[in-house]
């Protein structure tokens, strides 16, 4: 009897421990996009037959999931997109822009933004960040919510077909800031790309005072009493020496971007020069914050970058000055 009780205790402990160790607690497939409000944008009807528009036919080759995962004991919502075909695919963590409801991930992000990457043979995963999109906790605009991004390298280990030896990170706007911070806190990212990325929050609030009163002051903990340090913590131009020397970074920016002025990327590029951080900076003439009108070129640059370092195994560039 005692032996049976001991066995029951061991089994109970094992099951409890196994459940606790699982980070990906829910994965729900969006099985029918025709039932979503997005469908009319993606499809067309010709001779009475409705099908995907030519540019969206790849949607038959990918699966889109709404996910819930654990971060710092909080249940965080997100999206994941992966190829339907079985295989072992490199991974990309996509970091969304915006704050609170502005920029919240929708099914459209999965179908279009993330889907356009997944169709090239990648598992793409993204976080709503804590406090957003049904996630527990409180958003901190680049504080502890960066942990919601960092933990995704572990969440991916629970995803079938995810090659976690080859992970990249891709962030836009505020997501670029999240990417910069994350790169200084993990060694699990092989390559990164950012677009219209926040790199100097001091400049941002000077250019756009509403970003201080309506975002920083409302979301960043203890902002009133610790303003300078909290801004430094979120401004990559202040700590470029903290970046890894073996993670190449692709920086994309529009020269007419008013949300995040292009000089932010230019200033960070000069800091990368100083500390020999590998990077490529592409400025799109006349490009706005989302690089409207440059979508095709932007997407090609991003995929080419990740293919080099995640699929083709290219080594990070050597940044020593050549003497010959």
Protein backbone atom coordinates (compact mmCIF):
# COMPACT_ATOMS: atom_id res chain seq x y z
CA UNK A 1 0.00 0.00 0.00
CA UNK A 2 2.82 2.39 0.94
CA UNK A 3 4.58 1.53 -2.30
CA UNK A 4 1.41 2.34 -4.27
CA UNK A 5 1.06 5.67 -2.46
CA UNK A 6 4.70 6.49 -3.19
CA UNK A 7 4.22 5.63 -6.87
CA UNK A 8 1.11 7.82 -7.05
CA UNK A 9 3.03 10.71 -5.47
CA UNK A 10 5.88 10.33 -7.95
CA UNK A 11 3.49 10.24 -10.90
CA UNK A 12 1.60 13.28 -9.60
CA UNK A 13 4.83 15.24 -9.09
CA UNK A 14 6.11 14.25 -12.53
CA UNK A 15 2.91 15.33 -14.27
CA UNK A 16 2.79 18.59 -12.34
CA UNK A 17 6.42 19.31 -13.14
CA UNK A 18 5.93 18.49 -16.82
CA UNK A 19 2.96 20.83 -17.08
CA UNK A 20 4.89 23.59 -15.29
CA UNK A 21 7.81 23.26 -17.69
CA UNK A 22 5.62 23.78 -20.75
CA UNK A 23 5.77 27.36 -21.96
CA UNK A 24 3.47 27.06 -24.98
CA UNK A 25 0.19 26.50 -23.18
CA UNK A 26 -2.18 26.95 -26.12
CA UNK A 27 -1.97 26.85 -29.91
CA UNK A 28 -5.17 27.41 -31.90
CA UNK A 29 -5.13 27.02 -35.67
CA UNK A 30 -6.98 29.59 -37.77
CA UNK A 31 -8.35 26.92 -40.06
CA UNK A 32 -10.57 28.99 -42.35
CA UNK A 33 -9.56 32.51 -43.33
CA UNK A 34 -12.73 32.83 -45.41
CA UNK A 35 -14.62 33.33 -42.16
CA UNK A 36 -12.51 36.33 -41.15
CA UNK A 37 -13.10 40.01 -42.08
CA UNK A 38 -9.75 39.91 -43.87
CA UNK A 39 -10.95 37.51 -46.57
CA UNK A 40 -12.34 40.10 -49.06
CA UNK A 41 -8.93 41.81 -49.14
CA UNK A 42 -7.14 38.54 -49.87
CA UNK A 43 -9.52 37.03 -52.42
CA UNK A 44 -11.23 37.79 -55.70
CA UNK A 45 -14.18 36.32 -57.60
CA UNK A 46 -13.76 35.50 -61.29
CA UNK A 47 -16.48 33.75 -63.31
CA UNK A 48 -18.33 32.96 -60.12
CA UNK A 49 -15.35 31.29 -58.47
CA UNK A 50 -13.69 32.88 -55.42
CA UNK A 51 -10.01 32.23 -54.84
CA UNK A 52 -6.93 33.93 -53.43
CA UNK A 53 -5.56 36.90 -55.30
CA UNK A 54 -2.32 36.01 -57.06
CA UNK A 55 -0.12 37.70 -54.43
CA UNK A 56 -1.79 35.76 -51.61
CA UNK A 57 -1.82 32.24 -53.06
CA UNK A 58 0.95 31.33 -50.65
CA UNK A 59 -1.71 31.24 -47.92
CA UNK A 60 -2.49 27.65 -48.94
CA UNK A 61 1.07 26.70 -47.95
CA UNK A 62 1.13 28.10 -44.39
CA UNK A 63 -0.68 27.62 -41.08
CA UNK A 64 -1.57 30.55 -38.81
CA UNK A 65 -1.98 30.02 -35.06
CA UNK A 66 -3.11 32.14 -32.15
CA UNK A 67 -0.86 31.17 -29.26
CA UNK A 68 -0.65 31.63 -25.51
CA UNK A 69 2.64 31.14 -23.70
CA UNK A 70 4.16 31.76 -20.29
CA UNK A 71 6.54 34.63 -19.49
CA UNK A 72 7.49 35.58 -15.91
CA UNK A 73 4.44 33.65 -14.71
CA UNK A 74 2.11 35.62 -17.00
CA UNK A 75 -0.01 34.24 -19.82
CA UNK A 76 1.01 36.14 -22.97
CA UNK A 77 -0.87 36.04 -26.27
CA UNK A 78 0.74 36.02 -29.68
CA UNK A 79 0.74 34.64 -33.21
CA UNK A 80 2.73 31.95 -34.96
CA UNK A 81 2.94 31.15 -38.66
CA UNK A 82 4.71 28.14 -40.13
CA UNK A 83 4.85 26.18 -43.39
CA UNK A 84 2.34 23.35 -43.74
CA UNK A 85 4.96 21.08 -45.30
CA UNK A 86 6.87 19.00 -42.77
CA UNK A 87 10.47 20.02 -42.29
CA UNK A 88 12.99 21.60 -39.97
CA UNK A 89 12.76 25.36 -40.47
CA UNK A 90 14.83 28.25 -39.12
CA UNK A 91 12.88 30.65 -36.92
CA UNK A 92 12.24 34.38 -36.81
CA UNK A 93 10.90 36.25 -33.79
CA UNK A 94 8.85 39.20 -35.07
CA UNK A 95 8.51 42.16 -32.71
CA UNK A 96 5.47 44.34 -33.38
CA UNK A 97 5.42 48.11 -33.16
CA UNK A 98 3.08 50.45 -31.36
CA UNK A 99 1.84 50.32 -27.79
CA UNK A 100 -1.31 49.05 -26.16
CA UNK A 101 -4.05 48.66 -28.81
CA UNK A 102 -2.11 50.65 -31.41
CA UNK A 103 -0.18 48.01 -33.34
CA UNK A 104 -1.85 45.02 -31.69
CA UNK A 105 -1.31 41.86 -33.74
CA UNK A 106 -4.30 40.93 -35.88
CA UNK A 107 -4.94 37.95 -38.14
CA UNK A 108 -3.78 40.21 -40.98
CA UNK A 109 -0.31 40.39 -39.44
CA UNK A 110 -0.21 36.61 -39.47
CA UNK A 111 -1.50 36.27 -43.03
CA UNK A 112 0.49 39.10 -44.60
CA UNK A 113 3.41 40.41 -42.53
CA UNK A 114 4.40 37.11 -40.95
CA UNK A 115 3.02 34.97 -43.76
CA UNK A 116 5.26 36.66 -46.32
CA UNK A 117 8.23 35.46 -44.29
CA UNK A 118 6.89 32.00 -43.44
CA UNK A 119 6.25 31.22 -47.10
CA UNK A 120 10.02 31.30 -47.65
CA UNK A 121 10.50 28.43 -45.21
CA UNK A 122 10.53 29.98 -41.73
CA UNK A 123 8.68 29.48 -38.48
CA UNK A 124 7.65 33.00 -37.47
CA UNK A 125 6.48 33.79 -33.94
CA UNK A 126 5.36 37.08 -32.40
CA UNK A 127 4.26 38.45 -29.03
CA UNK A 128 1.45 40.87 -28.19
CA UNK A 129 3.59 41.81 -25.14
CA UNK A 130 2.22 41.76 -21.62
CA UNK A 131 -0.90 43.80 -21.01
CA UNK A 132 -1.82 43.79 -24.71
CA UNK A 133 -4.09 41.72 -26.94
CA UNK A 134 -5.49 39.67 -24.08
CA UNK A 135 -2.14 39.12 -22.37
CA UNK A 136 -1.81 39.30 -18.61
CA UNK A 137 0.40 41.87 -16.87
CA UNK A 138 1.28 45.49 -17.58
CA UNK A 139 3.12 46.83 -20.61
CA UNK A 140 6.37 48.70 -19.86
CA UNK A 141 7.39 49.88 -23.34
CA UNK A 142 10.80 48.24 -23.31
CA UNK A 143 11.06 47.25 -19.64
CA UNK A 144 10.28 43.80 -18.30
CA UNK A 145 8.06 43.19 -21.33
CA UNK A 146 11.29 42.50 -23.26
CA UNK A 147 11.22 39.17 -21.40
CA UNK A 148 8.12 38.30 -23.43
CA UNK A 149 10.35 38.43 -26.51
CA UNK A 150 13.39 36.71 -25.00
CA UNK A 151 11.40 33.70 -23.76
CA UNK A 152 10.24 32.94 -27.30
CA UNK A 153 13.60 31.28 -28.00
CA UNK A 154 12.53 28.70 -25.41
CA UNK A 155 8.91 28.56 -26.56
CA UNK A 156 10.14 27.63 -30.04
CA UNK A 157 11.73 24.48 -28.60
CA UNK A 158 8.19 23.20 -28.08
CA UNK A 159 7.19 23.84 -31.70
CA UNK A 160 7.43 20.92 -34.10
CA UNK A 161 9.61 21.71 -37.10
CA UNK A 162 11.35 24.68 -35.49
CA UNK A 163 15.14 24.71 -35.91
CA UNK A 164 16.12 26.50 -32.70
CA UNK A 165 19.80 26.47 -33.63
CA UNK A 166 18.98 29.11 -36.21
CA UNK A 167 16.87 31.96 -34.84
CA UNK A 168 16.63 35.50 -36.16
CA UNK A 169 14.80 38.55 -34.83
CA UNK A 170 12.89 41.18 -36.81
CA UNK A 171 11.34 44.31 -35.30
CA UNK A 172 9.62 47.41 -36.60
CA UNK A 173 9.42 50.82 -34.88
CA UNK A 174 8.95 50.10 -31.15
CA UNK A 175 9.63 46.47 -32.12
CA UNK A 176 13.03 47.62 -33.35
CA UNK A 177 13.73 49.04 -29.89
CA UNK A 178 12.66 45.73 -28.36
CA UNK A 179 15.02 43.95 -30.77
CA UNK A 180 17.96 46.17 -29.84
CA UNK A 181 17.42 45.58 -26.12
CA UNK A 182 16.91 41.84 -26.60
CA UNK A 183 20.18 41.47 -28.54
CA UNK A 184 22.10 42.68 -25.48
CA UNK A 185 20.44 40.09 -23.26
CA UNK A 186 20.66 36.83 -25.22
CA UNK A 187 23.17 34.84 -27.25
CA UNK A 188 20.49 32.80 -29.06
CA UNK A 189 19.93 35.17 -31.99
CA UNK A 190 22.08 34.69 -35.10
CA UNK A 191 20.94 37.67 -37.16
CA UNK A 192 18.55 40.60 -36.79
CA UNK A 193 16.66 43.08 -38.95
CA UNK A 194 14.86 46.28 -37.92
CA UNK A 195 12.81 48.90 -39.70
CA UNK A 196 12.07 52.47 -38.62
CA UNK A 197 13.52 51.47 -35.28
CA UNK A 198 13.46 53.59 -32.15
CA UNK A 199 17.12 54.00 -31.22
CA UNK A 200 17.10 57.26 -29.27
CA UNK A 201 14.05 57.87 -27.08
CA UNK A 202 15.42 61.27 -26.04
CA UNK A 203 15.16 62.45 -29.65
CA UNK A 204 11.76 60.84 -30.05
CA UNK A 205 10.15 62.77 -27.20
CA UNK A 206 11.80 66.00 -28.37
CA UNK A 207 10.34 65.53 -31.85
CA UNK A 208 7.01 64.22 -30.58
CA UNK A 209 6.17 65.47 -27.06
CA UNK A 210 3.00 63.36 -27.06
CA UNK A 211 5.20 60.26 -26.97
CA UNK A 212 6.36 61.34 -23.53
CA UNK A 213 3.05 62.40 -22.03
CA UNK A 214 0.91 59.71 -23.68
CA UNK A 215 3.30 56.75 -23.81
CA UNK A 216 6.50 56.98 -21.74
CA UNK A 217 4.95 58.65 -18.69
CA UNK A 218 1.97 56.28 -18.73
CA UNK A 219 3.74 52.98 -19.41
CA UNK A 220 7.30 53.14 -18.06
CA UNK A 221 7.41 52.29 -14.34
CA UNK A 222 8.68 55.06 -12.05
CA UNK A 223 9.16 57.34 -15.06
CA UNK A 224 8.54 60.55 -13.12
CA UNK A 225 11.35 59.84 -10.63
CA UNK A 226 13.79 58.02 -12.91
CA UNK A 227 13.19 59.59 -16.31
CA UNK A 228 16.77 59.93 -17.55
CA UNK A 229 17.84 56.38 -16.74
CA UNK A 230 14.66 54.86 -18.16
CA UNK A 231 15.16 56.74 -21.42
CA UNK A 232 18.79 55.62 -21.54
CA UNK A 233 17.66 52.01 -21.00
CA UNK A 234 15.56 52.26 -24.16
CA UNK A 235 18.02 54.19 -26.34
CA UNK A 236 20.45 51.92 -28.17
CA UNK A 237 22.62 54.87 -29.22
CA UNK A 238 23.67 55.09 -25.55
CA UNK A 239 24.94 51.52 -25.24
CA UNK A 240 26.10 50.31 -28.65
CA UNK A 241 29.13 48.79 -26.90
CA UNK A 242 26.75 46.21 -25.35
CA UNK A 243 25.79 44.66 -28.69
CA UNK A 244 27.26 41.27 -29.62
CA UNK A 245 30.01 41.42 -32.22
CA UNK A 246 28.81 38.32 -34.07
CA UNK A 247 25.14 39.18 -34.77
CA UNK A 248 24.77 41.09 -38.06
CA UNK A 249 21.99 43.70 -38.02
CA UNK A 250 20.07 44.92 -41.07
CA UNK A 251 18.75 48.46 -40.52
CA UNK A 252 16.01 49.83 -42.80
CA UNK A 253 14.72 53.40 -42.61
CA UNK A 254 12.73 55.83 -44.74
CA UNK A 255 14.19 59.29 -45.27
CA UNK A 256 10.77 60.94 -44.76
CA UNK A 257 9.82 58.97 -41.64
CA UNK A 258 8.25 61.49 -39.24
CA UNK A 259 7.36 59.00 -36.50
CA UNK A 260 10.99 57.96 -36.01
CA UNK A 261 13.32 60.41 -37.71
CA UNK A 262 15.95 58.73 -39.95
CA UNK A 263 18.82 60.28 -37.99
CA UNK A 264 18.12 57.78 -35.23
CA UNK A 265 19.36 54.94 -37.43
CA UNK A 266 22.16 57.10 -38.78
CA UNK A 267 23.37 57.92 -35.26
CA UNK A 268 23.24 54.27 -34.23
CA UNK A 269 25.12 53.24 -37.36
CA UNK A 270 27.93 55.60 -36.38
CA UNK A 271 27.99 54.03 -32.92
CA UNK A 272 28.13 50.58 -34.51
CA UNK A 273 31.11 51.83 -36.53
CA UNK A 274 32.85 52.88 -33.34
CA UNK A 275 32.37 49.52 -31.63
CA UNK A 276 32.71 47.40 -34.80
CA UNK A 277 29.22 45.90 -34.62
CA UNK A 278 28.34 44.27 -37.96
CA UNK A 279 25.47 46.07 -39.69
CA UNK A 280 24.03 47.10 -43.03
CA UNK A 281 22.06 50.35 -43.24
CA UNK A 282 19.65 50.93 -46.13
CA UNK A 283 17.95 54.32 -46.39
CA UNK A 284 14.90 54.38 -48.65
CA UNK A 285 14.62 57.72 -50.42
CA UNK A 286 11.20 59.22 -49.76
CA UNK A 287 10.22 56.26 -47.61
CA UNK A 288 7.74 56.78 -44.76
CA UNK A 289 7.62 54.95 -41.42
CA UNK A 290 6.18 51.78 -42.93
CA UNK A 291 8.18 52.12 -46.16
CA UNK A 292 4.98 52.40 -48.18
CA UNK A 293 5.84 52.05 -51.84
CA UNK A 294 8.99 50.10 -51.04
CA UNK A 295 7.32 46.93 -49.76
CA UNK A 296 8.70 44.54 -52.38
CA UNK A 297 12.28 45.76 -52.03
CA UNK A 298 12.03 45.84 -48.24
CA UNK A 299 10.74 42.25 -48.08
CA UNK A 300 13.42 41.04 -50.48
CA UNK A 301 16.17 42.64 -48.40
CA UNK A 302 14.87 41.08 -45.19
CA UNK A 303 14.51 37.56 -46.62
CA UNK A 304 17.91 37.76 -48.32
CA UNK A 305 19.47 38.80 -45.00
CA UNK A 306 17.96 35.97 -42.99
CA UNK A 307 18.64 33.42 -45.72
CA UNK A 308 22.34 34.31 -45.57
CA UNK A 309 22.75 33.78 -41.86
CA UNK A 310 20.00 31.33 -40.90
CA UNK A 311 19.69 29.09 -43.95
CA UNK A 312 23.04 29.30 -45.69
CA UNK A 313 25.17 29.31 -42.55
CA UNK A 314 27.16 32.39 -43.53
CA UNK A 315 29.45 33.59 -40.78
CA UNK A 316 29.08 37.04 -39.30
CA UNK A 317 31.30 39.57 -41.10
CA UNK A 318 34.73 40.23 -39.63
CA UNK A 319 34.84 43.86 -38.61
CA UNK A 320 38.58 44.39 -38.18
CA UNK A 321 39.96 47.15 -40.41
CA UNK A 322 41.72 45.71 -43.46
CA UNK A 323 45.37 46.72 -43.74
CA UNK A 324 45.92 45.61 -47.32
